[in-house]
Structures are given as C-alpha cells and as structure tokens.
Amino acid sequence: MVFFFSLLIDGALAGAIYALVALAFVLVYKASRMLNFAIGEWVMWGALLAAAGVHAIGLGPVGAVVFACAGMIALAFTFSRLVLRRMTAPPAITLIMLTLGLGAVMRGVAAVIFAGVPTAISLPIPLDPIVISGVPIAPDKLVAAIIAALCIAVVGAFYRRTRTGLALQAIADDRQTAMSVGIDVDHHFLIVWAIAGVISVAAGVLWTFVSGGGFGVTLVGLKVFPIVIIGGLESIPGAIVGAMIIGVLESLGAGYLDPSLGGGFGNIASYLLLIAMLVARPAGLFGRARIERV
C-alpha cells in the first residue's frame, strides 16, 4: 500500500502542474474558440526567459519570474496585435495551422536566442523527502504543486470577482452579445493571451524546477490535449479534474504497468483514456454538448 500511495501522491502533485498548463489552454479557447497547439512552446519560452533572467542577467528568482512575465506579455501583445487582430472570423483549420506555425517559429527562434544559456532553475528547498505514515513525498514536487494550486486559485478569483473576468466570461458565452453591450473584444483577447503568457511562465518554471528544463519542456504541452478533452474544452474545473486524472493515471501506469509492458506505457495510458472519452462522452466530463438547430 505504501507503493500505491506513493504513486498516487506523486501523480497528484504532477497533476497540479498539468492543471496550470491546461488552464492557459482553456482560457484562450473559452475567449476566442482558438485551439492553441503552441501551448508547449509558450511554456518552454516562459521557462527559458526565467532561466535567462537568472543565468544571463543575474536576477534573483523573483526578478527572473517578473522578467519572464514581461517577456511573455510582450509576446502576447505582439501576436494579438499583429496576427489575431487582422483575422476576421477565420475557419477553425486556419487557427489550428496558425498556432502550429507559431509553435515552430518559437522553437526556431528560441534555439538562436537562448543558445548557451543554462536552463536549470533552482529554489532554496531541502531535497530530503518528507515521510508521512511511511509514504515519502518529494519536497520540490510538493512546493511546486502548492504554488500551482495558488496560481489556479488566483486566476479563478480573477475570473469570478473582477470586471475584466466577468467580461471574459461574457465573451466566452456570446461574443456578439458582449460586443453589443460595449465590451472591447480585441482588448480582452489581448488580456487573455497575456494571462496565458503569465501562466505559462509559472508552469514552465515549476516544471523546470521539478523535472528539468530545456526544449524538452514543450512535451508538457502534449499532455494538455487528453486533459482538456477529458475535462471539457470550455471548463476550468474540468481542466483541473482532468489534469489530476491524467497525473495519477500516468504515475500508476508507470509504477505498475511499465515493468511488465515496457517503459512509456504510463504516457500511452492517458491517450487510451482520451480515445475512450471521445467515444463515450465527446464533450468531456464537465463540457456542454453543442446543440445546433437543424
């Protein structure tokens, strides 16, 4: 049972970081109906900017995070003003190809800009595991999960309790109606992309702190798709629940199935669950089935 609970806790802690990445994806989709297939590259850039702030500029951890957030907000502003603002009701495939192209450009530019910059990000946290009832808990993962949970709580409070958050909810419900009551949709699109950029910094820094940095951080973006499909593309609670499910499933699969079926089955298990969800409940656990008048 100790082994089971160790895997369960480890998966839940990883799921907290997954939830943060999925949150950035869902917020963009809710506001603009845009599937951001470059979310992995956004997280990678957030981590690399923070690492550059520490190693290249000499900033402290807090200063490096602020520097990275400023860089991602600038990127969001540029992308929103120069690209998205010029597109009027594009088809879905255009938006998909746009984000795929954006991801490719970000990977190529990052290889040039951040060449030679160390990617490690460390925090002054003891490495000795915390043992509770015989179950060891990695302190770095625990701290990362707590920070991720706090970030999610802050974003949730922002959406529920601020005028900007309510405006973003209105845009998500009905863009035309929101425009008719005077909400500046373009301005709020810029805000939601900026929020996604800041969340990407937090997720990238936490992922680098726990699992290592570099261009491999983009792989965390691949974990978002089963999460948001399982939870529901438009649901923030669904993104959190889906992330926890995927985190625990990957951990249990790696612990129990990888030794007998071969390494990597834990990662495959999440996509098997994705396929099952698409067959059984395409809208996801918390998603709303789209009703169209025939």
Protein backbone atom coordinates (compact mmCIF):
# COMPACT_ATOMS: atom_id res chain seq x y z
CA MET A 1 0.00 0.00 0.00
CA VAL A 2 2.92 2.35 0.63
CA PHE A 3 3.97 1.97 -3.00
CA PHE A 4 0.42 2.65 -4.20
CA PHE A 5 0.04 5.78 -2.10
CA SER A 6 3.49 6.99 -3.16
CA LEU A 7 2.44 6.71 -6.82
CA LEU A 8 -0.94 8.30 -6.08
CA ILE A 9 0.58 11.32 -4.34
CA ASP A 10 3.30 11.70 -6.97
CA GLY A 11 0.67 11.66 -9.72
CA ALA A 12 -1.50 14.21 -7.92
CA LEU A 13 1.47 16.55 -7.47
CA ALA A 14 2.31 16.28 -11.18
CA GLY A 15 -1.37 16.82 -11.98
CA ALA A 16 -1.28 20.21 -10.25
CA ILE A 17 1.32 21.47 -12.75
CA TYR A 18 -0.59 19.86 -15.63
CA ALA A 19 -3.69 21.73 -14.44
CA LEU A 20 -1.81 25.02 -14.65
CA VAL A 21 -0.82 24.37 -18.27
CA ALA A 22 -4.33 23.18 -19.14
CA LEU A 23 -5.74 26.34 -17.57
CA ALA A 24 -3.80 28.51 -20.02
CA PHE A 25 -5.16 26.40 -22.89
CA VAL A 26 -8.78 26.53 -21.70
CA LEU A 27 -8.77 30.28 -21.04
CA VAL A 28 -7.68 31.02 -24.61
CA TYR A 29 -10.24 28.60 -26.04
CA LYS A 30 -13.09 29.96 -23.91
CA ALA A 31 -12.45 33.52 -25.02
CA SER A 32 -11.54 33.07 -28.68
CA ARG A 33 -12.51 29.48 -29.64
CA MET A 34 -8.86 29.08 -30.63
CA LEU A 35 -7.06 25.78 -30.01
CA ASN A 36 -3.57 26.86 -29.03
CA PHE A 37 -1.43 23.99 -30.28
CA ALA A 38 1.64 26.06 -29.37
CA ILE A 39 0.94 25.86 -25.63
CA GLY A 40 4.03 23.68 -25.13
CA GLU A 41 6.21 26.32 -26.80
CA TRP A 42 4.66 29.04 -24.63
CA VAL A 43 5.55 27.07 -21.51
CA MET A 44 9.05 26.46 -22.90
CA TRP A 45 9.56 30.18 -23.58
CA GLY A 46 8.34 31.07 -20.08
CA ALA A 47 10.89 28.69 -18.57
CA LEU A 48 13.72 29.82 -20.86
CA LEU A 49 13.08 33.51 -20.19
CA ALA A 50 13.15 32.88 -16.46
CA ALA A 51 16.37 30.86 -16.79
CA ALA A 52 17.91 33.63 -18.89
CA GLY A 53 16.94 36.13 -16.20
CA VAL A 54 18.79 34.07 -13.59
CA HIS A 55 21.88 32.97 -15.54
CA ALA A 56 22.37 35.63 -18.21
CA ILE A 57 21.14 38.79 -16.46
CA GLY A 58 21.88 37.82 -12.87
CA LEU A 59 18.42 38.37 -11.41
CA GLY A 60 17.09 36.61 -8.36
CA PRO A 61 14.26 34.06 -8.61
CA VAL A 62 11.52 36.67 -8.17
CA GLY A 63 13.15 39.13 -10.55
CA ALA A 64 13.65 36.39 -13.14
CA VAL A 65 9.97 35.44 -12.97
CA VAL A 66 8.93 39.10 -13.35
CA PHE A 67 11.30 39.44 -16.31
CA ALA A 68 9.85 36.30 -17.91
CA CYS A 69 6.26 37.51 -17.35
CA ALA A 70 7.10 40.84 -19.01
CA GLY A 71 8.60 38.98 -21.96
CA MET A 72 5.57 36.71 -22.37
CA ILE A 73 3.16 39.65 -22.09
CA ALA A 74 5.14 41.39 -24.83
CA LEU A 75 4.92 38.24 -26.94
CA ALA A 76 1.17 38.04 -26.33
CA PHE A 77 0.75 41.71 -27.27
CA THR A 78 2.73 41.24 -30.49
CA PHE A 79 0.87 38.09 -31.51
CA SER A 80 -2.54 39.56 -30.69
CA ARG A 81 -2.00 42.90 -32.43
CA LEU A 82 -0.04 41.79 -35.49
CA VAL A 83 -1.78 38.48 -36.22
CA LEU A 84 -5.07 37.82 -34.44
CA ARG A 85 -6.47 41.33 -34.82
CA ARG A 86 -6.16 41.12 -38.61
CA MET A 87 -8.13 37.87 -38.86
CA THR A 88 -11.90 38.18 -39.20
CA ALA A 89 -13.92 35.01 -38.50
CA PRO A 90 -11.30 32.61 -39.89
CA PRO A 91 -12.15 28.90 -40.26
CA ALA A 92 -11.02 26.58 -37.47
CA ILE A 93 -8.34 24.93 -39.62
CA THR A 94 -6.74 28.33 -40.21
CA LEU A 95 -6.44 28.95 -36.48
CA ILE A 96 -5.01 25.48 -35.93
CA MET A 97 -2.38 25.96 -38.62
CA LEU A 98 -1.65 29.42 -37.23
CA THR A 99 -0.79 28.10 -33.77
CA LEU A 100 1.18 25.19 -35.23
CA GLY A 101 3.21 27.68 -37.26
CA LEU A 102 3.62 29.90 -34.22
CA GLY A 103 5.00 26.95 -32.26
CA ALA A 104 7.51 26.12 -35.00
CA VAL A 105 8.68 29.74 -35.13
CA MET A 106 9.02 29.90 -31.34
CA ARG A 107 11.12 26.73 -31.29
CA GLY A 108 13.41 28.02 -34.03
CA VAL A 109 13.85 31.48 -32.54
CA ALA A 110 14.43 30.04 -29.05
CA ALA A 111 17.25 27.84 -30.39
CA VAL A 112 19.03 31.02 -31.55
CA ILE A 113 18.24 33.41 -28.70
CA PHE A 114 18.81 31.02 -25.80
CA ALA A 115 21.78 29.13 -27.22
CA GLY A 116 24.34 28.57 -24.50
CA VAL A 117 22.08 29.80 -21.68
CA PRO A 118 21.77 27.26 -18.81
CA THR A 119 18.20 26.12 -18.40
CA ALA A 120 18.29 24.94 -14.78
CA ILE A 121 16.16 26.80 -12.23
CA SER A 122 16.67 26.01 -8.57
CA LEU A 123 14.96 27.14 -5.40
CA PRO A 124 16.33 27.01 -1.83
CA ILE A 125 14.32 23.94 -0.83
CA PRO A 126 15.77 20.92 1.01
CA LEU A 127 15.88 17.74 -1.06
CA ASP A 128 15.30 15.27 1.78
CA PRO A 129 11.90 13.60 1.29
CA ILE A 130 9.08 14.24 3.72
CA VAL A 131 7.83 10.94 5.14
CA ILE A 132 4.19 10.75 6.29
CA SER A 133 2.98 7.36 7.60
CA GLY A 134 5.81 5.71 5.70
CA VAL A 135 4.93 7.42 2.42
CA PRO A 136 7.79 9.59 1.06
CA ILE A 137 6.87 12.91 -0.57
CA ALA A 138 9.36 14.86 -2.64
CA PRO A 139 9.52 18.40 -1.19
CA ASP A 140 10.24 20.01 -4.57
CA LYS A 141 7.13 18.47 -6.10
CA LEU A 142 5.06 19.39 -3.07
CA VAL A 143 6.16 23.03 -3.20
CA ALA A 144 5.58 23.16 -6.97
CA ALA A 145 2.08 21.71 -6.54
CA ILE A 146 1.22 24.22 -3.81
CA ILE A 147 2.41 27.14 -5.95
CA ALA A 148 0.46 25.78 -8.94
CA ALA A 149 -2.68 25.47 -6.80
CA LEU A 150 -2.28 29.05 -5.58
CA CYS A 151 -1.89 30.29 -9.17
CA ILE A 152 -5.05 28.45 -10.20
CA ALA A 153 -6.93 29.93 -7.23
CA VAL A 154 -5.78 33.46 -8.12
CA VAL A 155 -6.88 33.07 -11.75
CA GLY A 156 -10.22 31.61 -10.64
CA ALA A 157 -10.81 34.54 -8.27
CA PHE A 158 -9.86 36.97 -11.05
CA TYR A 159 -12.49 35.45 -13.35
CA ARG A 160 -15.23 35.43 -10.71
CA ARG A 161 -14.66 38.72 -8.90
CA THR A 162 -13.30 41.32 -11.35
CA ARG A 163 -14.98 43.28 -14.12
CA THR A 164 -12.41 42.05 -16.63
CA GLY A 165 -13.04 38.46 -15.61
CA LEU A 166 -16.80 38.89 -15.96
CA ALA A 167 -16.26 40.49 -19.37
CA LEU A 168 -14.17 37.50 -20.45
CA GLN A 169 -16.95 35.18 -19.28
CA ALA A 170 -19.45 37.20 -21.31
CA ILE A 171 -17.24 36.94 -24.40
CA ALA A 172 -16.97 33.18 -23.88
CA ASP A 173 -20.77 32.84 -23.62
CA ASP A 174 -21.69 35.02 -26.61
CA ARG A 175 -19.19 37.22 -28.39
CA GLN A 176 -21.77 39.17 -30.42
CA THR A 177 -23.85 40.00 -27.37
CA ALA A 178 -20.73 41.06 -25.48
CA MET A 179 -19.79 43.41 -28.30
CA SER A 180 -23.33 44.83 -28.40
CA VAL A 181 -23.10 45.91 -24.75
CA GLY A 182 -19.81 47.72 -25.30
CA ILE A 183 -17.15 45.14 -24.38
CA ASP A 184 -13.95 45.66 -26.37
CA VAL A 185 -13.36 42.11 -27.60
CA ASP A 186 -9.94 42.80 -29.16
CA HIS A 187 -8.71 44.38 -25.93
CA HIS A 188 -9.92 41.44 -23.87
CA PHE A 189 -8.37 38.96 -26.30
CA LEU A 190 -5.08 40.70 -25.60
CA ILE A 191 -5.70 40.36 -21.86
CA VAL A 192 -6.48 36.65 -22.06
CA TRP A 193 -3.38 35.94 -24.14
CA ALA A 194 -1.32 37.94 -21.63
CA ILE A 195 -2.80 35.88 -18.79
CA ALA A 196 -1.95 32.72 -20.72
CA GLY A 197 1.61 34.02 -21.07
CA VAL A 198 1.96 34.65 -17.33
CA ILE A 199 0.51 31.22 -16.53
CA SER A 200 2.99 29.71 -19.00
CA VAL A 201 5.84 31.30 -17.07
CA ALA A 202 4.62 29.82 -13.79
CA ALA A 203 4.09 26.39 -15.33
CA GLY A 204 7.43 26.45 -17.15
CA VAL A 205 9.38 27.48 -14.06
CA LEU A 206 7.67 24.85 -11.88
CA TRP A 207 8.14 22.11 -14.47
CA THR A 208 11.80 23.01 -14.90
CA PHE A 209 12.32 23.06 -11.16
CA VAL A 210 10.79 19.59 -10.77
CA SER A 211 11.73 17.78 -13.98
CA GLY A 212 14.47 19.79 -15.67
CA GLY A 213 14.38 22.44 -18.37
CA GLY A 214 15.43 22.97 -21.97
CA PHE A 215 13.49 22.38 -25.14
CA GLY A 216 12.03 19.20 -23.67
CA VAL A 217 9.61 21.40 -21.72
CA THR A 218 7.49 21.57 -24.89
CA LEU A 219 6.49 17.94 -24.28
CA VAL A 220 4.33 19.03 -21.36
CA GLY A 221 2.10 20.71 -23.95
CA LEU A 222 1.25 17.30 -25.39
CA LYS A 223 -0.25 16.29 -22.05
CA VAL A 224 -2.78 19.12 -22.28
CA PHE A 225 -4.88 17.59 -25.05
CA PRO A 226 -6.08 14.48 -23.21
CA ILE A 227 -6.62 16.65 -20.13
CA VAL A 228 -8.90 19.20 -21.80
CA ILE A 229 -10.80 16.56 -23.78
CA ILE A 230 -11.45 14.52 -20.63
CA GLY A 231 -12.40 17.54 -18.55
CA GLY A 232 -14.18 19.54 -21.27
CA LEU A 233 -12.70 22.15 -23.56
CA GLU A 234 -14.60 25.06 -22.00
CA SER A 235 -14.47 24.03 -18.35
CA ILE A 236 -11.89 25.35 -15.90
CA PRO A 237 -12.95 22.84 -13.18
CA GLY A 238 -12.83 20.16 -15.87
CA ALA A 239 -9.23 21.11 -16.69
CA ILE A 240 -8.29 20.68 -13.03
CA VAL A 241 -10.08 17.34 -12.65
CA GLY A 242 -8.74 16.08 -15.99
CA ALA A 243 -5.20 17.06 -15.00
CA MET A 244 -5.47 15.13 -11.74
CA ILE A 245 -6.84 12.09 -13.55
CA ILE A 246 -4.03 12.14 -16.11
CA GLY A 247 -1.34 12.77 -13.48
CA VAL A 248 -2.49 9.85 -11.33
CA LEU A 249 -3.06 7.58 -14.33
CA GLU A 250 0.44 8.23 -15.67
CA SER A 251 2.00 7.62 -12.26
CA LEU A 252 0.11 4.38 -11.61
CA GLY A 253 0.74 3.18 -15.15
CA ALA A 254 4.46 3.88 -14.84
CA GLY A 255 4.63 2.14 -11.47
CA TYR A 256 2.54 -0.95 -12.15
CA LEU A 257 2.45 -1.48 -15.91
CA ASP A 258 5.80 -0.25 -17.21
CA PRO A 259 7.78 -3.10 -15.54
CA SER A 260 5.69 -5.73 -17.33
CA LEU A 261 4.61 -3.98 -20.55
CA GLY A 262 7.68 -1.87 -21.22
CA GLY A 263 8.71 1.68 -20.42
CA GLY A 264 6.46 4.51 -21.53
CA PHE A 265 3.09 2.85 -21.09
CA GLY A 266 2.19 5.38 -18.43
CA ASN A 267 2.25 8.10 -21.09
CA ILE A 268 0.27 5.99 -23.54
CA ALA A 269 -2.43 5.28 -20.96
CA SER A 270 -3.58 8.91 -20.98
CA TYR A 271 -4.19 8.78 -24.73
CA LEU A 272 -6.07 5.49 -24.41
CA LEU A 273 -8.32 7.24 -21.91
CA LEU A 274 -8.62 10.14 -24.37
CA ILE A 275 -9.89 7.80 -27.09
CA ALA A 276 -12.35 6.18 -24.69
CA MET A 277 -13.67 9.59 -23.64
CA LEU A 278 -14.13 10.71 -27.25
CA VAL A 279 -16.19 7.59 -27.91
CA ALA A 280 -18.25 7.66 -24.70
CA ARG A 281 -18.60 11.39 -23.98
CA PRO A 282 -17.12 13.68 -26.64
CA ALA A 283 -17.97 16.84 -24.67
CA GLY A 284 -15.89 15.69 -21.70
CA LEU A 285 -16.82 15.25 -18.05
CA PHE A 286 -17.72 18.91 -17.49
CA GLY A 287 -18.22 20.04 -21.07
CA ARG A 288 -21.50 21.03 -22.64
CA ALA A 289 -22.68 19.24 -25.75
CA ARG A 290 -23.12 21.71 -28.59
CA ILE A 291 -26.74 21.97 -29.68
CA GLU A 292 -27.34 23.13 -33.24
CA ARG A 293 -30.63 23.98 -34.90
CA VAL A 294 -31.26 21.86 -37.96
